[in-house]
Amino acid sequence: MATVSGYSSTVALSLDIQGESIPLAQVAPNRFIVQDACERRDPCEAMLNIVVDGEVDTTAIRLPDGIPGPGVWVAYEATSS
């Protein structure tokens, strides 16, 4: 039986890349969507930040194809860092 509490988690998604924090609209395994307008980015390393109710999960990632812009799925690979 499912319990309904009326509680919703607070979630924040962002990408730290070259000293800039970029808000994300969605994150899925190995891909994300940039929320707002951003410059095109070449392939690089970045940090993926997922914050749920104040609990931070940060993952070092590599963007093999860079970022083409907002509103499209962007592929990433987790790194060992």
PDB file of N, CA and C in Angstrom:
ATOM      1  N   MET A   1       0.836  -1.169   0.000  1.00  0.00           N
ATOM      2  CA  MET A   1       0.000   0.000   0.000  1.00  0.00           C
ATOM      3  C   MET A   1       0.884   1.237   0.000  1.00  0.00           C
ATOM      4  N   ALA A   2       0.589   2.189  -0.867  1.00  0.00           N
ATOM      5  CA  ALA A   2       1.357   3.431  -0.952  1.00  0.00           C
ATOM      6  C   ALA A   2       0.864   4.429   0.079  1.00  0.00           C
ATOM      7  N   THR A   3       1.795   5.176   0.623  1.00  0.00           N
ATOM      8  CA  THR A   3       1.447   6.220   1.579  1.00  0.00           C
ATOM      9  C   THR A   3       1.635   7.569   0.907  1.00  0.00           C
ATOM     10  N   VAL A   4       0.647   8.431   1.025  1.00  0.00           N
ATOM     11  CA  VAL A   4       0.718   9.778   0.454  1.00  0.00           C
ATOM     12  C   VAL A   4       0.932  10.751   1.597  1.00  0.00           C
ATOM     13  N   SER A   5       2.038  11.510   1.525  1.00  0.00           N
ATOM     14  CA  SER A   5       2.340  12.427   2.620  1.00  0.00           C
ATOM     15  C   SER A   5       2.128  13.885   2.238  1.00  0.00           C
ATOM     16  N   GLY A   6       1.981  14.174   0.955  1.00  0.00           N
ATOM     17  CA  GLY A   6       1.862  15.562   0.539  1.00  0.00           C
ATOM     18  C   GLY A   6       3.202  16.271   0.504  1.00  0.00           C
ATOM     19  N   TYR A   7       4.263  15.530   0.655  1.00  0.00           N
ATOM     20  CA  TYR A   7       5.621  16.078   0.686  1.00  0.00           C
ATOM     21  C   TYR A   7       6.262  15.997  -0.685  1.00  0.00           C
ATOM     22  N   SER A   8       6.875  17.110  -1.119  1.00  0.00           N
ATOM     23  CA  SER A   8       7.634  17.119  -2.366  1.00  0.00           C
ATOM     24  C   SER A   8       9.077  17.472  -2.056  1.00  0.00           C
ATOM     25  N   SER A   9       9.990  16.771  -2.665  1.00  0.00           N
ATOM     26  CA  SER A   9      11.411  17.052  -2.481  1.00  0.00           C
ATOM     27  C   SER A   9      11.796  18.329  -3.228  1.00  0.00           C
ATOM     28  N   THR A  10      12.778  19.039  -2.686  1.00  0.00           N
ATOM     29  CA  THR A  10      13.369  20.185  -3.361  1.00  0.00           C
ATOM     30  C   THR A  10      14.585  19.674  -4.117  1.00  0.00           C
ATOM     31  N   VAL A  11      14.600  19.903  -5.433  1.00  0.00           N
ATOM     32  CA  VAL A  11      15.671  19.390  -6.279  1.00  0.00           C
ATOM     33  C   VAL A  11      16.303  20.527  -7.060  1.00  0.00           C
ATOM     34  N   ALA A  12      17.638  20.555  -7.111  1.00  0.00           N
ATOM     35  CA  ALA A  12      18.379  21.521  -7.924  1.00  0.00           C
ATOM     36  C   ALA A  12      19.392  20.757  -8.751  1.00  0.00           C
ATOM     37  N   LEU A  13      19.470  21.082 -10.037  1.00  0.00           N
ATOM     38  CA  LEU A  13      20.383  20.418 -10.961  1.00  0.00           C
ATOM     39  C   LEU A  13      21.275  21.470 -11.601  1.00  0.00           C
ATOM     40  N   SER A  14      22.580  21.244 -11.600  1.00  0.00           N
ATOM     41  CA  SER A  14      23.482  22.201 -12.242  1.00  0.00           C
ATOM     42  C   SER A  14      24.754  21.516 -12.717  1.00  0.00           C
ATOM     43  N   LEU A  15      25.450  22.225 -13.584  1.00  0.00           N
ATOM     44  CA  LEU A  15      26.709  21.755 -14.150  1.00  0.00           C
ATOM     45  C   LEU A  15      27.743  22.839 -13.903  1.00  0.00           C
ATOM     46  N   ASP A  16      28.848  22.499 -13.244  1.00  0.00           N
ATOM     47  CA  ASP A  16      29.956  23.441 -13.063  1.00  0.00           C
ATOM     48  C   ASP A  16      30.978  23.163 -14.147  1.00  0.00           C
ATOM     49  N   ILE A  17      31.194  24.180 -14.974  1.00  0.00           N
ATOM     50  CA  ILE A  17      32.097  24.013 -16.103  1.00  0.00           C
ATOM     51  C   ILE A  17      32.920  25.280 -16.290  1.00  0.00           C
ATOM     52  N   GLN A  18      34.206  25.155 -16.226  1.00  0.00           N
ATOM     53  CA  GLN A  18      35.141  26.256 -16.426  1.00  0.00           C
ATOM     54  C   GLN A  18      34.773  27.473 -15.583  1.00  0.00           C
ATOM     55  N   GLY A  19      34.464  27.244 -14.293  1.00  0.00           N
ATOM     56  CA  GLY A  19      34.163  28.325 -13.363  1.00  0.00           C
ATOM     57  C   GLY A  19      32.759  28.886 -13.457  1.00  0.00           C
ATOM     58  N   GLU A  20      31.901  28.309 -14.268  1.00  0.00           N
ATOM     59  CA  GLU A  20      30.527  28.775 -14.436  1.00  0.00           C
ATOM     60  C   GLU A  20      29.555  27.687 -13.999  1.00  0.00           C
ATOM     61  N   SER A  21      28.467  28.089 -13.335  1.00  0.00           N
ATOM     62  CA  SER A  21      27.418  27.154 -12.945  1.00  0.00           C
ATOM     63  C   SER A  21      26.263  27.306 -13.929  1.00  0.00           C
ATOM     64  N   ILE A  22      25.909  26.200 -14.584  1.00  0.00           N
ATOM     65  CA  ILE A  22      24.869  26.206 -15.610  1.00  0.00           C
ATOM     66  C   ILE A  22      23.679  25.402 -15.094  1.00  0.00           C
ATOM     67  N   PRO A  23      22.484  26.022 -14.977  1.00  0.00           N
ATOM     68  CA  PRO A  23      21.304  25.273 -14.512  1.00  0.00           C
ATOM     69  C   PRO A  23      20.859  24.242 -15.546  1.00  0.00           C
ATOM     70  N   LEU A  24      20.438  23.081 -15.048  1.00  0.00           N
ATOM     71  CA  LEU A  24      19.965  22.015 -15.919  1.00  0.00           C
ATOM     72  C   LEU A  24      18.466  21.822 -15.737  1.00  0.00           C
ATOM     73  N   ALA A  25      17.782  21.468 -16.821  1.00  0.00           N
ATOM     74  CA  ALA A  25      16.345  21.228 -16.780  1.00  0.00           C
ATOM     75  C   ALA A  25      16.041  19.787 -16.400  1.00  0.00           C
ATOM     76  N   GLN A  26      16.831  18.846 -16.935  1.00  0.00           N
ATOM     77  CA  GLN A  26      16.627  17.421 -16.674  1.00  0.00           C
ATOM     78  C   GLN A  26      17.970  16.710 -16.645  1.00  0.00           C
ATOM     79  N   VAL A  27      18.033  15.642 -15.844  1.00  0.00           N
ATOM     80  CA  VAL A  27      19.213  14.777 -15.825  1.00  0.00           C
ATOM     81  C   VAL A  27      18.728  13.340 -15.913  1.00  0.00           C
ATOM     82  N   ALA A  28      19.372  12.571 -16.768  1.00  0.00           N
ATOM     83  CA  ALA A  28      19.089  11.144 -16.929  1.00  0.00           C
ATOM     84  C   ALA A  28      20.441  10.431 -16.926  1.00  0.00           C
ATOM     85  N   PRO A  29      20.434   9.115 -16.815  1.00  0.00           N
ATOM     86  CA  PRO A  29      21.715   8.406 -16.890  1.00  0.00           C
ATOM     87  C   PRO A  29      22.440   8.733 -18.195  1.00  0.00           C
ATOM     88  N   ASN A  30      23.613   9.314 -18.085  1.00  0.00           N
ATOM     89  CA  ASN A  30      24.496   9.612 -19.210  1.00  0.00           C
ATOM     90  C   ASN A  30      24.023  10.722 -20.140  1.00  0.00           C
ATOM     91  N   ARG A  31      23.056  11.552 -19.695  1.00  0.00           N
ATOM     92  CA  ARG A  31      22.655  12.692 -20.511  1.00  0.00           C
ATOM     93  C   ARG A  31      21.882  13.704 -19.666  1.00  0.00           C
ATOM     94  N   PHE A  32      21.843  14.960 -20.143  1.00  0.00           N
ATOM     95  CA  PHE A  32      21.112  16.023 -19.459  1.00  0.00           C
ATOM     96  C   PHE A  32      20.637  17.046 -20.480  1.00  0.00           C
ATOM     97  N   ILE A  33      19.746  17.958 -20.026  1.00  0.00           N
ATOM     98  CA  ILE A  33      19.285  19.074 -20.854  1.00  0.00           C
ATOM     99  C   ILE A  33      19.610  20.364 -20.113  1.00  0.00           C
ATOM    100  N   VAL A  34      20.273  21.310 -20.805  1.00  0.00           N
ATOM    101  CA  VAL A  34      20.572  22.620 -20.235  1.00  0.00           C
ATOM    102  C   VAL A  34      19.279  23.432 -20.198  1.00  0.00           C
ATOM    103  N   GLN A  35      19.036  24.100 -19.082  1.00  0.00           N
ATOM    104  CA  GLN A  35      17.779  24.821 -18.883  1.00  0.00           C
ATOM    105  C   GLN A  35      17.726  26.144 -19.645  1.00  0.00           C
ATOM    106  N   ASP A  36      18.716  27.002 -19.479  1.00  0.00           N
ATOM    107  CA  ASP A  36      18.692  28.355 -20.043  1.00  0.00           C
ATOM    108  C   ASP A  36      19.648  28.474 -21.228  1.00  0.00           C
ATOM    109  N   ALA A  37      19.572  29.597 -21.903  1.00  0.00           N
ATOM    110  CA  ALA A  37      20.494  29.864 -23.006  1.00  0.00           C
ATOM    111  C   ALA A  37      21.936  29.777 -22.501  1.00  0.00           C
ATOM    112  N   CYS A  38      22.785  29.182 -23.302  1.00  0.00           N
ATOM    113  CA  CYS A  38      24.203  29.077 -22.948  1.00  0.00           C
ATOM    114  C   CYS A  38      25.029  29.045 -24.228  1.00  0.00           C
ATOM    115  N   GLU A  39      26.302  29.344 -24.055  1.00  0.00           N
ATOM    116  CA  GLU A  39      27.213  29.290 -25.190  1.00  0.00           C
ATOM    117  C   GLU A  39      27.495  27.845 -25.568  1.00  0.00           C
ATOM    118  N   ARG A  40      27.763  27.635 -26.821  1.00  0.00           N
ATOM    119  CA  ARG A  40      28.206  26.319 -27.284  1.00  0.00           C
ATOM    120  C   ARG A  40      29.544  26.023 -26.608  1.00  0.00           C
ATOM    121  N   ARG A  41      29.746  24.796 -26.174  1.00  0.00           N
ATOM    122  CA  ARG A  41      30.988  24.386 -25.494  1.00  0.00           C
ATOM    123  C   ARG A  41      31.619  23.225 -26.233  1.00  0.00           C
ATOM    124  N   ASP A  42      32.930  23.276 -26.311  1.00  0.00           N
ATOM    125  CA  ASP A  42      33.689  22.167 -26.891  1.00  0.00           C
ATOM    126  C   ASP A  42      33.756  21.028 -25.875  1.00  0.00           C
ATOM    127  N   PRO A  43      34.149  19.828 -26.301  1.00  0.00           N
ATOM    128  CA  PRO A  43      34.324  18.716 -25.360  1.00  0.00           C
ATOM    129  C   PRO A  43      35.220  19.141 -24.193  1.00  0.00           C
ATOM    130  N   CYS A  44      34.824  18.759 -22.973  1.00  0.00           N
ATOM    131  CA  CYS A  44      35.573  19.171 -21.779  1.00  0.00           C
ATOM    132  C   CYS A  44      35.158  18.329 -20.578  1.00  0.00           C
ATOM    133  N   GLU A  45      35.778  18.619 -19.430  1.00  0.00           N
ATOM    134  CA  GLU A  45      35.447  18.005 -18.152  1.00  0.00           C
ATOM    135  C   GLU A  45      34.548  18.971 -17.385  1.00  0.00           C
ATOM    136  N   ALA A  46      33.695  18.445 -16.509  1.00  0.00           N
ATOM    137  CA  ALA A  46      32.776  19.273 -15.722  1.00  0.00           C
ATOM    138  C   ALA A  46      32.369  18.521 -14.458  1.00  0.00           C
ATOM    139  N   MET A  47      31.622  19.198 -13.601  1.00  0.00           N
ATOM    140  CA  MET A  47      31.071  18.582 -12.391  1.00  0.00           C
ATOM    141  C   MET A  47      29.551  18.671 -12.476  1.00  0.00           C
ATOM    142  N   LEU A  48      28.882  17.532 -12.339  1.00  0.00           N
ATOM    143  CA  LEU A  48      27.428  17.450 -12.343  1.00  0.00           C
ATOM    144  C   LEU A  48      26.952  17.467 -10.895  1.00  0.00           C
ATOM    145  N   ASN A  49      26.096  18.430 -10.544  1.00  0.00           N
ATOM    146  CA  ASN A  49      25.600  18.591  -9.175  1.00  0.00           C
ATOM    147  C   ASN A  49      24.107  18.304  -9.127  1.00  0.00           C
ATOM    148  N   ILE A  50      23.723  17.372  -8.271  1.00  0.00           N
ATOM    149  CA  ILE A  50      22.325  17.066  -8.036  1.00  0.00           C
ATOM    150  C   ILE A  50      22.088  17.243  -6.536  1.00  0.00           C
ATOM    151  N   VAL A  51      21.184  18.163  -6.177  1.00  0.00           N
ATOM    152  CA  VAL A  51      20.895  18.461  -4.775  1.00  0.00           C
ATOM    153  C   VAL A  51      19.432  18.114  -4.515  1.00  0.00           C
ATOM    154  N   VAL A  52      19.198  17.192  -3.592  1.00  0.00           N
ATOM    155  CA  VAL A  52      17.840  16.786  -3.218  1.00  0.00           C
ATOM    156  C   VAL A  52      17.668  17.046  -1.726  1.00  0.00           C
ATOM    157  N   ASP A  53      16.756  17.942  -1.394  1.00  0.00           N
ATOM    158  CA  ASP A  53      16.498  18.312   0.004  1.00  0.00           C
ATOM    159  C   ASP A  53      17.781  18.652   0.758  1.00  0.00           C
ATOM    160  N   GLY A  54      18.671  19.388   0.105  1.00  0.00           N
ATOM    161  CA  GLY A  54      19.907  19.835   0.733  1.00  0.00           C
ATOM    162  C   GLY A  54      21.049  18.835   0.705  1.00  0.00           C
ATOM    163  N   GLU A  55      20.808  17.613   0.274  1.00  0.00           N
ATOM    164  CA  GLU A  55      21.855  16.589   0.169  1.00  0.00           C
ATOM    165  C   GLU A  55      22.496  16.688  -1.217  1.00  0.00           C
ATOM    166  N   VAL A  56      23.788  16.985  -1.251  1.00  0.00           N
ATOM    167  CA  VAL A  56      24.494  17.215  -2.510  1.00  0.00           C
ATOM    168  C   VAL A  56      25.171  15.943  -3.003  1.00  0.00           C
ATOM    169  N   ASP A  57      24.972  15.649  -4.285  1.00  0.00           N
ATOM    170  CA  ASP A  57      25.674  14.553  -4.957  1.00  0.00           C
ATOM    171  C   ASP A  57      26.394  15.175  -6.145  1.00  0.00           C
ATOM    172  N   THR A  58      27.726  15.156  -6.112  1.00  0.00           N
ATOM    173  CA  THR A  58      28.525  15.750  -7.181  1.00  0.00           C
ATOM    174  C   THR A  58      29.313  14.651  -7.874  1.00  0.00           C
ATOM    175  N   THR A  59      29.261  14.654  -9.203  1.00  0.00           N
ATOM    176  CA  THR A  59      29.941  13.638 -10.005  1.00  0.00           C
ATOM    177  C   THR A  59      30.827  14.314 -11.044  1.00  0.00           C
ATOM    178  N   ALA A  60      32.079  13.888 -11.123  1.00  0.00           N
ATOM    179  CA  ALA A  60      32.975  14.373 -12.175  1.00  0.00           C
ATOM    180  C   ALA A  60      32.577  13.699 -13.488  1.00  0.00           C
ATOM    181  N   ILE A  61      32.396  14.509 -14.532  1.00  0.00           N
ATOM    182  CA  ILE A  61      31.975  13.969 -15.825  1.00  0.00           C
ATOM    183  C   ILE A  61      32.821  14.532 -16.956  1.00  0.00           C
ATOM    184  N   ARG A  62      32.714  13.886 -18.095  1.00  0.00           N
ATOM    185  CA  ARG A  62      33.342  14.357 -19.334  1.00  0.00           C
ATOM    186  C   ARG A  62      32.233  14.521 -20.358  1.00  0.00           C
ATOM    187  N   LEU A  63      32.295  15.620 -21.097  1.00  0.00           N
ATOM    188  CA  LEU A  63      31.327  15.887 -22.156  1.00  0.00           C
ATOM    189  C   LEU A  63      32.010  15.592 -23.488  1.00  0.00           C
ATOM    190  N   PRO A  64      31.861  14.383 -24.026  1.00  0.00           N
ATOM    191  CA  PRO A  64      32.605  13.991 -25.223  1.00  0.00           C
ATOM    192  C   PRO A  64      32.250  14.797 -26.466  1.00  0.00           C
ATOM    193  N   ASP A  65      31.029  15.335 -26.505  1.00  0.00           N
ATOM    194  CA  ASP A  65      30.592  16.124 -27.665  1.00  0.00           C
ATOM    195  C   ASP A  65      30.394  17.594 -27.321  1.00  0.00           C
ATOM    196  N   GLY A  66      30.778  17.994 -26.107  1.00  0.00           N
ATOM    197  CA  GLY A  66      30.564  19.369 -25.678  1.00  0.00           C
ATOM    198  C   GLY A  66      29.091  19.634 -25.424  1.00  0.00           C
ATOM    199  N   ILE A  67      28.715  20.925 -25.463  1.00  0.00           N
ATOM    200  CA  ILE A  67      27.318  21.332 -25.284  1.00  0.00           C
ATOM    201  C   ILE A  67      26.911  22.147 -26.508  1.00  0.00           C
ATOM    202  N   PRO A  68      25.926  21.675 -27.277  1.00  0.00           N
ATOM    203  CA  PRO A  68      25.508  22.420 -28.468  1.00  0.00           C
ATOM    204  C   PRO A  68      24.643  23.635 -28.137  1.00  0.00           C
ATOM    205  N   GLY A  69      23.991  23.641 -26.967  1.00  0.00           N
ATOM    206  CA  GLY A  69      23.118  24.743 -26.577  1.00  0.00           C
ATOM    207  C   GLY A  69      22.006  24.231 -25.679  1.00  0.00           C
ATOM    208  N   PRO A  70      21.027  25.096 -25.347  1.00  0.00           N
ATOM    209  CA  PRO A  70      19.954  24.696 -24.443  1.00  0.00           C
ATOM    210  C   PRO A  70      18.878  23.871 -25.143  1.00  0.00           C
ATOM    211  N   GLY A  71      18.120  23.126 -24.345  1.00  0.00           N
ATOM    212  CA  GLY A  71      16.944  22.439 -24.845  1.00  0.00           C
ATOM    213  C   GLY A  71      17.175  21.158 -25.618  1.00  0.00           C
ATOM    214  N   VAL A  72      18.412  20.660 -25.646  1.00  0.00           N
ATOM    215  CA  VAL A  72      18.697  19.394 -26.336  1.00  0.00           C
ATOM    216  C   VAL A  72      19.419  18.460 -25.365  1.00  0.00           C
ATOM    217  N   TRP A  73      19.268  17.164 -25.576  1.00  0.00           N
ATOM    218  CA  TRP A  73      19.977  16.200 -24.731  1.00  0.00           C
ATOM    219  C   TRP A  73      21.471  16.282 -25.016  1.00  0.00           C
ATOM    220  N   VAL A  74      22.265  16.314 -23.946  1.00  0.00           N
ATOM    221  CA  VAL A  74      23.726  16.375 -24.031  1.00  0.00           C
ATOM    222  C   VAL A  74      24.276  15.114 -23.370  1.00  0.00           C
ATOM    223  N   ALA A  75      25.113  14.385 -24.089  1.00  0.00           N
ATOM    224  CA  ALA A  75      25.704  13.146 -23.565  1.00  0.00           C
ATOM    225  C   ALA A  75      26.858  13.477 -22.603  1.00  0.00           C
ATOM    226  N   TYR A  76      26.979  12.643 -21.560  1.00  0.00           N
ATOM    227  CA  TYR A  76      28.135  12.744 -20.665  1.00  0.00           C
ATOM    228  C   TYR A  76      28.573  11.364 -20.228  1.00  0.00           C
ATOM    229  N   GLU A  77      29.822  11.305 -19.757  1.00  0.00           N
ATOM    230  CA  GLU A  77      30.399  10.073 -19.228  1.00  0.00           C
ATOM    231  C   GLU A  77      30.973  10.390 -17.851  1.00  0.00           C
ATOM    232  N   ALA A  78      30.709   9.563 -16.867  1.00  0.00           N
ATOM    233  CA  ALA A  78      31.308   9.738 -15.547  1.00  0.00           C
ATOM    234  C   ALA A  78      32.800   9.442 -15.656  1.00  0.00           C
ATOM    235  N   THR A  79      33.607  10.212 -14.933  1.00  0.00           N
ATOM    236  CA  THR A  79      35.041   9.968 -14.894  1.00  0.00           C
ATOM    237  C   THR A  79      35.391   9.379 -13.539  1.00  0.00           C
ATOM    238  N   SER A  80      36.599   8.937 -13.378  1.00  0.00           N
ATOM    239  CA  SER A  80      37.019   8.323 -12.109  1.00  0.00           C
ATOM    240  C   SER A  80      37.445   9.345 -11.080  1.00  0.00           C
ATOM    241  N   SER A  81      37.440  10.637 -11.406  1.00  0.00           N
ATOM    242  CA  SER A  81      37.877  11.678 -10.462  1.00  0.00           C
ATOM    243  C   SER A  81      36.902  11.849  -9.339  1.00  0.00           C
TER     244      SER A  81
END
